[in-house]
Amino acid sequence: MTIVQMLSYHFMQRALIVGVLVSLCAALLGVSLVLKRYSMIGDGLSHVGFGALAIASALHLAPLAVAVPVVIVTAVLLLRLSQSSRVKGDAMIAIISSSALAIGVICVSLTTGMNTEVSSYMFGSILSLSRSDAILSVILSLAVLALFLLFYPRLFAVTFDESFSKATGTRTELYNTLLAVLTAVTVVLGMRMMGALLISSLIIFPALSAMRICRSFKAVVLCAAGISAGCFVLGTVASFFLETPTGASIVVADLICFGICSLLGSRD
């Protein structure tokens, strides 16, 4: 089996195209989320996404059509509650994520049972990406990338000094909400291949790896994007030839890259 033969499969073509786009989205957003100490939002939203996908599967509804709006609303509520409630940050994420996961598991157990489709949402599967899902994923991924690039200066300002940005008239709440919404869309899109348990790695690892070897925000963003896309391709190819789980293989590739970047960074 060669690379050319691997690419002859339509499911591999869809997985690589969608996966690279989602990886780019996750890496770009991940830099801001890590710097704002809000990186675990991806993990929390993925659990909410699993609950929404499980309910959609039980009700025979289109998974992405249900999960995307549910996770977007949750991301906005999570941002609002963490800013105004006595329960802050990571505690609020833990409450929402565990509750959504429990609701999803109960819904599945009472209806379809833990079938292959539901299992793929939890652990990831490149076979679960249909042609219609791939088209929708590409459209949404390109929209996320376009919005990030369009509002890059504002997101940069809110990431590094939110108080100063607010004092200069920047609508910080609006751009924090935009960041949460873009993250929600990216998490749902990535879950189909990475699974709810591993999707947060796409957000955290590339950003941390890039921060080990780059100094400026722009350099970190560009480096993280390259690392994320590269590790996704390497992990997917390794998964195909070694017959290992796709999501886990991508995480291992990210882990190895993080180790290499840490070694290189320690020499500076």
Protein backbone atom coordinates (compact mmCIF):
# COMPACT_ATOMS: atom_id res chain seq x y z
CA MET A 1 0.00 0.00 0.00
CA THR A 2 1.43 3.39 -1.04
CA ILE A 3 0.50 7.03 -0.43
CA VAL A 4 -1.02 7.21 -3.92
CA GLN A 5 -3.22 4.18 -3.20
CA MET A 6 -4.23 5.68 0.14
CA LEU A 7 -5.31 8.89 -1.57
CA SER A 8 -7.44 6.92 -4.04
CA TYR A 9 -9.98 6.32 -1.27
CA HIS A 10 -12.64 9.00 -1.16
CA PHE A 11 -12.96 8.87 2.63
CA MET A 12 -9.22 9.62 2.96
CA GLN A 13 -9.49 12.54 0.56
CA ARG A 14 -12.38 13.98 2.56
CA ALA A 15 -10.61 13.38 5.88
CA LEU A 16 -7.39 15.11 4.79
CA ILE A 17 -9.12 18.13 3.27
CA VAL A 18 -11.47 18.69 6.19
CA GLY A 19 -8.88 17.71 8.77
CA VAL A 20 -6.25 20.18 7.56
CA LEU A 21 -8.80 23.02 7.50
CA VAL A 22 -10.10 22.18 10.99
CA SER A 23 -6.52 21.84 12.26
CA LEU A 24 -5.71 25.31 10.97
CA CYS A 25 -8.80 26.73 12.68
CA ALA A 26 -7.98 24.99 15.96
CA ALA A 27 -4.36 26.15 15.93
CA LEU A 28 -5.19 29.79 15.20
CA LEU A 29 -7.85 29.95 17.89
CA GLY A 30 -5.77 27.85 20.27
CA VAL A 31 -3.04 30.49 20.57
CA SER A 32 -5.52 33.04 21.89
CA LEU A 33 -7.26 30.51 24.14
CA VAL A 34 -4.00 29.30 25.68
CA LEU A 35 -2.74 32.85 26.29
CA LYS A 36 -6.08 33.78 27.89
CA ARG A 37 -5.81 30.66 30.09
CA TYR A 38 -9.04 29.36 28.63
CA SER A 39 -7.65 26.42 26.68
CA MET A 40 -9.85 23.79 28.34
CA ILE A 41 -12.95 25.33 26.79
CA GLY A 42 -12.37 22.98 23.88
CA ASP A 43 -12.65 19.97 26.15
CA GLY A 44 -15.83 21.29 27.74
CA LEU A 45 -17.48 22.14 24.43
CA SER A 46 -16.56 18.75 22.98
CA HIS A 47 -18.52 17.06 25.76
CA VAL A 48 -21.47 19.31 25.01
CA GLY A 49 -21.05 18.41 21.35
CA PHE A 50 -21.10 14.72 22.18
CA GLY A 51 -24.35 15.17 24.09
CA ALA A 52 -25.90 17.06 21.16
CA LEU A 53 -24.68 14.50 18.61
CA ALA A 54 -25.96 11.62 20.72
CA ILE A 55 -29.41 13.20 21.02
CA ALA A 56 -29.47 13.97 17.28
CA SER A 57 -28.55 10.35 16.53
CA ALA A 58 -31.27 9.07 18.83
CA LEU A 59 -33.87 11.32 17.17
CA HIS A 60 -32.56 10.54 13.64
CA LEU A 61 -31.68 14.17 12.96
CA ALA A 62 -28.72 15.59 11.02
CA PRO A 63 -25.84 15.49 13.56
CA LEU A 64 -23.97 18.65 12.55
CA ALA A 65 -27.17 20.65 12.03
CA VAL A 66 -28.06 19.97 15.68
CA ALA A 67 -24.62 20.07 17.28
CA VAL A 68 -23.28 23.31 15.76
CA PRO A 69 -26.01 25.67 17.08
CA VAL A 70 -26.20 23.88 20.45
CA VAL A 71 -22.46 24.16 21.04
CA ILE A 72 -22.39 27.79 19.85
CA VAL A 73 -25.12 28.73 22.33
CA THR A 74 -23.30 26.83 25.07
CA ALA A 75 -20.02 28.62 24.30
CA VAL A 76 -21.68 32.03 24.57
CA LEU A 77 -23.47 31.07 27.80
CA LEU A 78 -20.25 29.63 29.21
CA LEU A 79 -18.45 32.89 28.51
CA ARG A 80 -21.21 34.98 30.06
CA LEU A 81 -21.61 32.80 33.14
CA SER A 82 -17.88 32.57 33.83
CA GLN A 83 -17.65 36.38 33.79
CA SER A 84 -20.70 37.13 35.93
CA SER A 85 -21.17 34.05 38.11
CA ARG A 86 -19.46 33.15 41.34
CA VAL A 87 -18.43 29.90 39.67
CA LYS A 88 -15.47 30.88 37.50
CA GLY A 89 -13.53 29.52 34.51
CA ASP A 90 -12.48 25.91 34.82
CA ALA A 91 -15.15 25.06 37.41
CA MET A 92 -17.93 26.25 35.11
CA ILE A 93 -16.44 24.29 32.21
CA ALA A 94 -16.33 21.15 34.36
CA ILE A 95 -19.97 21.56 35.43
CA ILE A 96 -21.30 22.05 31.91
CA SER A 97 -19.10 19.41 30.24
CA SER A 98 -19.82 16.64 32.73
CA SER A 99 -23.55 17.40 32.72
CA ALA A 100 -23.76 17.36 28.92
CA LEU A 101 -21.77 14.13 28.71
CA ALA A 102 -24.03 12.45 31.26
CA ILE A 103 -27.19 13.58 29.44
CA GLY A 104 -25.80 12.27 26.15
CA VAL A 105 -24.89 8.87 27.61
CA ILE A 106 -28.32 8.48 29.24
CA CYS A 107 -30.09 9.46 26.01
CA VAL A 108 -28.07 6.92 24.05
CA SER A 109 -28.63 4.13 26.58
CA LEU A 110 -32.41 4.69 26.49
CA THR A 111 -32.67 4.75 22.69
CA THR A 112 -30.13 3.41 20.21
CA GLY A 113 -27.52 2.03 22.59
CA MET A 114 -23.78 2.57 22.20
CA ASN A 115 -23.64 1.83 18.47
CA THR A 116 -20.77 2.45 16.06
CA GLU A 117 -21.97 5.93 15.09
CA VAL A 118 -22.17 7.17 18.68
CA SER A 119 -18.84 5.55 19.51
CA SER A 120 -17.23 7.43 16.62
CA TYR A 121 -18.36 10.73 18.16
CA MET A 122 -16.58 9.86 21.39
CA PHE A 123 -13.36 8.37 19.98
CA GLY A 124 -13.32 9.71 16.41
CA SER A 125 -13.47 7.98 13.03
CA ILE A 126 -12.52 9.21 9.57
CA LEU A 127 -15.10 6.81 8.15
CA SER A 128 -17.89 8.79 9.85
CA LEU A 129 -17.39 11.81 7.57
CA SER A 130 -19.96 11.67 4.77
CA ARG A 131 -19.77 13.75 1.58
CA SER A 132 -22.47 16.15 2.79
CA ASP A 133 -20.75 16.52 6.16
CA ALA A 134 -17.45 17.18 4.39
CA ILE A 135 -18.96 19.96 2.26
CA LEU A 136 -20.56 21.62 5.29
CA SER A 137 -17.31 21.25 7.25
CA VAL A 138 -15.26 22.89 4.49
CA ILE A 139 -17.70 25.82 4.26
CA LEU A 140 -17.73 26.37 8.04
CA SER A 141 -13.95 25.98 8.33
CA LEU A 142 -13.34 28.56 5.61
CA ALA A 143 -15.80 30.89 7.36
CA VAL A 144 -13.91 30.49 10.66
CA LEU A 145 -10.56 31.19 8.97
CA ALA A 146 -11.97 34.23 7.15
CA LEU A 147 -13.44 35.72 10.34
CA PHE A 148 -10.23 35.10 12.28
CA LEU A 149 -8.14 36.86 9.63
CA LEU A 150 -10.66 39.69 9.28
CA PHE A 151 -10.71 40.43 13.02
CA TYR A 152 -7.10 39.42 13.73
CA PRO A 153 -6.00 42.85 15.09
CA ARG A 154 -8.93 42.98 17.54
CA LEU A 155 -8.48 39.39 18.68
CA PHE A 156 -4.78 40.10 19.19
CA ALA A 157 -5.57 43.13 21.34
CA VAL A 158 -8.17 41.30 23.43
CA THR A 159 -5.82 38.36 23.93
CA PHE A 160 -2.87 40.34 25.31
CA ASP A 161 -4.44 43.18 27.27
CA GLU A 162 -8.20 43.06 27.57
CA SER A 163 -8.37 45.91 30.12
CA PHE A 164 -6.35 48.28 27.92
CA SER A 165 -8.39 47.29 24.86
CA LYS A 166 -11.61 48.05 26.70
CA ALA A 167 -10.25 51.40 27.86
CA THR A 168 -9.42 52.36 24.26
CA GLY A 169 -12.97 51.68 23.13
CA THR A 170 -12.63 48.16 21.79
CA ARG A 171 -15.79 46.09 22.30
CA THR A 172 -14.02 43.35 24.20
CA GLU A 173 -17.20 41.40 25.02
CA LEU A 174 -18.08 41.20 21.34
CA TYR A 175 -14.66 39.82 20.36
CA ASN A 176 -14.57 37.40 23.28
CA THR A 177 -17.94 36.14 22.11
CA LEU A 178 -16.63 35.85 18.55
CA LEU A 179 -13.68 33.80 19.84
CA ALA A 180 -16.03 31.51 21.75
CA VAL A 181 -18.33 31.03 18.73
CA LEU A 182 -15.45 30.25 16.37
CA THR A 183 -14.06 27.77 18.90
CA ALA A 184 -17.46 26.09 19.22
CA VAL A 185 -17.76 25.59 15.46
CA THR A 186 -14.19 24.25 15.23
CA VAL A 187 -14.73 21.79 18.09
CA VAL A 188 -17.87 20.31 16.52
CA LEU A 189 -16.19 19.94 13.12
CA GLY A 190 -13.12 18.28 14.62
CA MET A 191 -15.09 15.83 16.74
CA ARG A 192 -16.03 13.68 13.76
CA MET A 193 -12.40 12.64 13.29
CA MET A 194 -10.77 13.28 16.67
CA GLY A 195 -13.62 12.36 18.99
CA ALA A 196 -14.94 14.24 22.02
CA LEU A 197 -12.16 12.90 24.23
CA LEU A 198 -9.25 14.10 22.08
CA ILE A 199 -10.41 17.20 20.19
CA SER A 200 -8.94 19.62 22.75
CA SER A 201 -5.46 18.40 21.78
CA LEU A 202 -5.85 20.14 18.40
CA ILE A 203 -6.31 23.41 20.26
CA ILE A 204 -3.65 23.06 22.95
CA PHE A 205 -0.65 21.16 21.53
CA PRO A 206 0.19 23.26 18.41
CA ALA A 207 -0.05 26.51 20.38
CA LEU A 208 2.21 25.24 23.18
CA SER A 209 4.70 23.78 20.68
CA ALA A 210 4.90 27.06 18.74
CA MET A 211 5.38 29.06 21.94
CA ARG A 212 8.50 27.02 22.70
CA ILE A 213 10.34 28.20 19.59
CA CYS A 214 8.72 31.51 18.59
CA ARG A 215 8.60 34.85 20.38
CA SER A 216 6.11 37.13 18.60
CA PHE A 217 2.36 36.54 18.48
CA LYS A 218 2.28 36.49 14.68
CA ALA A 219 5.15 33.99 14.51
CA VAL A 220 3.45 31.77 17.10
CA VAL A 221 0.17 31.82 15.15
CA LEU A 222 1.84 30.93 11.84
CA CYS A 223 4.04 28.26 13.42
CA ALA A 224 1.09 26.73 15.29
CA ALA A 225 -0.89 26.54 12.05
CA GLY A 226 1.95 24.74 10.29
CA ILE A 227 2.52 22.34 13.18
CA SER A 228 -1.18 21.55 13.49
CA ALA A 229 -1.69 20.81 9.79
CA GLY A 230 1.56 18.83 9.58
CA CYS A 231 0.82 16.69 12.64
CA PHE A 232 -2.69 16.00 11.40
CA VAL A 233 -1.41 14.73 8.05
CA LEU A 234 1.36 12.66 9.67
CA GLY A 235 -1.01 11.21 12.25
CA THR A 236 -3.65 10.36 9.66
CA VAL A 237 -1.14 8.69 7.34
CA ALA A 238 0.38 6.74 10.23
CA SER A 239 -3.10 5.69 11.33
CA PHE A 240 -3.91 4.39 7.86
CA PHE A 241 -0.75 2.31 7.46
CA LEU A 242 -0.43 1.12 11.07
CA GLU A 243 -4.20 0.58 11.47
CA THR A 244 -4.30 2.60 14.68
CA PRO A 245 -7.10 4.97 15.82
CA THR A 246 -6.91 8.23 13.88
CA GLY A 247 -7.47 10.63 16.76
CA ALA A 248 -4.93 8.93 19.01
CA SER A 249 -2.33 8.82 16.21
CA ILE A 250 -2.70 12.57 15.62
CA VAL A 251 -2.32 13.29 19.33
CA VAL A 252 0.86 11.19 19.47
CA ALA A 253 2.25 13.13 16.49
CA ASP A 254 1.45 16.38 18.32
CA LEU A 255 3.08 15.04 21.49
CA ILE A 256 6.29 14.12 19.66
CA CYS A 257 6.35 17.55 18.00
CA PHE A 258 5.85 19.24 21.38
CA GLY A 259 8.79 17.30 22.79
CA ILE A 260 11.02 18.30 19.87
CA CYS A 261 9.98 21.98 20.14
CA SER A 262 10.61 21.93 23.90
CA LEU A 263 14.14 20.62 23.33
CA LEU A 264 14.83 23.23 20.66
CA GLY A 265 13.41 25.99 22.82
CA SER A 266 15.51 25.01 25.84
CA ARG A 267 18.69 25.61 23.82
CA ASP A 268 17.95 29.28 23.20
